[in-house]
Amino acid sequence: MASNTRKIHRQVRKLLASIRREWLVILDFDRTLFDTARLYDDLTEMIAQSWGPEVAREMSEFEKTSEHLDAFQYLQNEHDIPYDAVMRIFRDFETAKYPDGNSYLYPDALELLRYLKRRPRTRLQIITTGTQQSQQFKLALCPELAGISYEI
């Protein structure tokens, strides 16, 4: 009877050792992985160059006081500037300002992501709040996040 128990214990230990655990790492996006302040500085600079400093100042003030709308909605609603135009012009602005490439991810966040992507059985999930349009714009600026799922 005792040898049977030992045999079962060995089988259970072997079974438990063979179970592969998957680690889920949940990461916050804005101001944790993503340098939101630098993006808004660049966005304000681009708006000033493209539509004038007054529009940029108004948008900046709006961003500071609004809880539910974002800069893209403000530009669309108040100045009839469509999201697609902002995105297209911003891409050109970013290319001109950073000819050697750019990432709005913090350097230590990039290092962490590279490490976590190499870990076996580790799944990454990004969580973020904000409007769908605004968050997708920011996520699209980070090709390093390709393959990582996110929830807005």
Protein backbone atom coordinates (compact mmCIF):
# COMPACT_ATOMS: atom_id res chain seq x y z
CA MET A 1 0.00 0.00 0.00
CA ALA A 2 2.79 2.47 0.92
CA SER A 3 4.62 1.80 -2.35
CA ASN A 4 1.40 2.49 -4.25
CA THR A 5 1.07 5.84 -2.47
CA ARG A 6 4.67 6.73 -3.32
CA LYS A 7 4.06 5.78 -6.93
CA ILE A 8 0.97 8.01 -7.07
CA HIS A 9 2.91 10.87 -5.42
CA ARG A 10 5.68 10.53 -8.01
CA GLN A 11 3.12 10.56 -10.83
CA VAL A 12 1.41 13.63 -9.38
CA ARG A 13 4.75 15.45 -8.98
CA LYS A 14 5.69 14.51 -12.54
CA LEU A 15 2.31 15.71 -13.80
CA LEU A 16 2.58 19.00 -11.89
CA ALA A 17 6.10 19.55 -13.20
CA SER A 18 4.91 19.01 -16.75
CA ILE A 19 2.09 21.57 -16.52
CA ARG A 20 3.24 24.66 -18.31
CA ARG A 21 2.30 27.84 -16.58
CA GLU A 22 1.59 30.87 -18.66
CA TRP A 23 2.30 34.24 -17.17
CA LEU A 24 0.04 37.14 -18.03
CA VAL A 25 1.70 40.53 -17.66
CA ILE A 26 -0.69 43.48 -17.74
CA LEU A 27 0.87 46.85 -18.53
CA ASP A 28 -0.59 50.33 -18.34
CA PHE A 29 0.00 52.44 -21.45
CA ASP A 30 -0.12 56.22 -20.93
CA ARG A 31 2.66 57.63 -18.75
CA THR A 32 3.92 54.13 -17.94
CA LEU A 33 5.06 52.71 -21.28
CA PHE A 34 4.23 55.72 -23.44
CA ASP A 35 5.63 59.25 -23.06
CA THR A 36 2.30 61.03 -23.36
CA ALA A 37 3.72 64.44 -22.40
CA ARG A 38 6.27 64.36 -25.24
CA LEU A 39 3.59 63.34 -27.73
CA TYR A 40 1.35 66.22 -26.66
CA ASP A 41 4.29 68.63 -26.92
CA ASP A 42 4.97 67.40 -30.48
CA LEU A 43 1.28 67.42 -31.35
CA THR A 44 0.93 71.01 -30.09
CA GLU A 45 3.99 72.06 -32.09
CA MET A 46 2.60 70.41 -35.23
CA ILE A 47 -0.84 72.01 -34.75
CA ALA A 48 0.81 75.43 -34.34
CA GLN A 49 2.80 74.96 -37.56
CA SER A 50 -0.15 73.63 -39.55
CA TRP A 51 -3.16 75.57 -38.23
CA GLY A 52 -1.66 78.40 -36.21
CA PRO A 53 -0.54 79.03 -32.63
CA GLU A 54 -4.02 80.10 -31.49
CA VAL A 55 -5.52 76.71 -32.42
CA ALA A 56 -2.61 74.95 -30.69
CA ARG A 57 -3.06 77.04 -27.53
CA GLU A 58 -6.83 76.39 -27.45
CA MET A 59 -6.29 72.65 -27.99
CA SER A 60 -3.70 72.55 -25.23
CA GLU A 61 -6.03 74.32 -22.79
CA PHE A 62 -8.87 72.02 -23.79
CA GLU A 63 -6.73 68.91 -23.16
CA LYS A 64 -5.89 70.14 -19.64
CA THR A 65 -9.52 70.68 -18.65
CA SER A 66 -11.45 67.99 -20.51
CA GLU A 67 -12.19 64.65 -18.93
CA HIS A 68 -14.18 63.00 -21.70
CA LEU A 69 -13.09 64.42 -25.05
CA ASP A 70 -9.65 64.40 -26.59
CA ALA A 71 -7.61 66.71 -28.81
CA PHE A 72 -8.81 64.99 -31.98
CA GLN A 73 -12.45 65.50 -31.07
CA TYR A 74 -11.74 69.12 -30.13
CA LEU A 75 -10.04 69.85 -33.46
CA GLN A 76 -12.90 68.20 -35.35
CA ASN A 77 -15.69 69.87 -33.37
CA GLU A 78 -14.24 73.36 -32.89
CA HIS A 79 -12.07 73.85 -35.98
CA ASP A 80 -13.46 71.34 -38.49
CA ILE A 81 -10.05 69.65 -38.78
CA PRO A 82 -10.62 65.94 -39.48
CA TYR A 83 -8.75 63.21 -37.64
CA ASP A 84 -7.28 61.82 -40.88
CA ALA A 85 -5.71 65.21 -41.68
CA VAL A 86 -4.17 65.45 -38.20
CA MET A 87 -2.78 61.92 -38.44
CA ARG A 88 -1.35 62.39 -41.95
CA ILE A 89 0.28 65.74 -41.13
CA PHE A 90 1.57 64.41 -37.80
CA ARG A 91 3.31 61.50 -39.54
CA ASP A 92 5.06 63.97 -41.88
CA PHE A 93 5.93 66.21 -38.92
CA GLU A 94 7.33 63.27 -36.95
CA THR A 95 9.46 62.10 -39.90
CA ALA A 96 10.89 65.60 -40.37
CA LYS A 97 11.56 66.14 -36.65
CA TYR A 98 13.04 62.68 -36.03
CA PRO A 99 14.76 61.65 -39.30
CA ASP A 100 16.63 58.83 -37.54
CA GLY A 101 13.41 57.35 -36.18
CA ASN A 102 11.35 57.92 -33.11
CA SER A 103 9.65 56.03 -30.35
CA TYR A 104 7.29 57.52 -27.81
CA LEU A 105 7.91 54.56 -25.55
CA TYR A 106 10.14 55.27 -22.58
CA PRO A 107 13.61 53.69 -23.02
CA ASP A 108 13.23 51.54 -19.90
CA ALA A 109 9.80 50.44 -21.14
CA LEU A 110 11.38 49.30 -24.41
CA GLU A 111 13.95 47.33 -22.45
CA LEU A 112 11.22 45.72 -20.32
CA LEU A 113 9.13 44.83 -23.37
CA ARG A 114 12.11 43.23 -25.12
CA TYR A 115 12.81 41.17 -22.01
CA LEU A 116 9.19 40.07 -21.56
CA LYS A 117 8.78 39.18 -25.24
CA ARG A 118 11.75 36.79 -24.94
CA ARG A 119 10.37 35.01 -21.88
CA PRO A 120 8.74 31.69 -22.63
CA ARG A 121 5.07 31.28 -21.79
CA THR A 122 4.60 34.99 -21.11
CA ARG A 123 1.63 36.81 -22.59
CA LEU A 124 1.50 40.61 -22.58
CA GLN A 125 -1.64 42.72 -22.38
CA ILE A 126 -1.78 46.51 -22.50
CA ILE A 127 -4.62 48.36 -20.84
CA THR A 128 -5.42 51.98 -21.50
CA THR A 129 -8.22 54.46 -21.09
CA GLY A 130 -9.31 57.23 -23.41
CA THR A 131 -11.23 57.48 -26.62
CA GLN A 132 -10.77 54.70 -29.14
CA GLN A 133 -9.50 57.14 -31.76
CA SER A 134 -6.92 58.79 -29.50
CA GLN A 135 -5.57 55.56 -28.06
CA GLN A 136 -5.33 53.85 -31.44
CA PHE A 137 -3.43 56.88 -32.77
CA LYS A 138 -0.90 56.56 -29.93
CA LEU A 139 -0.63 52.77 -30.22
CA ALA A 140 -0.01 53.11 -33.97
CA LEU A 141 3.02 55.30 -33.17
CA CYS A 142 4.67 52.32 -31.46
CA PRO A 143 5.61 49.56 -33.90
CA GLU A 144 7.45 47.90 -30.99
CA LEU A 145 4.02 46.94 -29.61
CA ALA A 146 3.11 44.82 -32.64
CA GLY A 147 1.74 41.49 -31.55
CA ILE A 148 0.78 42.65 -28.06
CA SER A 149 -2.93 42.71 -27.41
CA TYR A 150 -4.54 45.77 -25.87
CA GLU A 151 -7.79 46.81 -24.28
CA ILE A 152 -9.11 50.36 -24.47
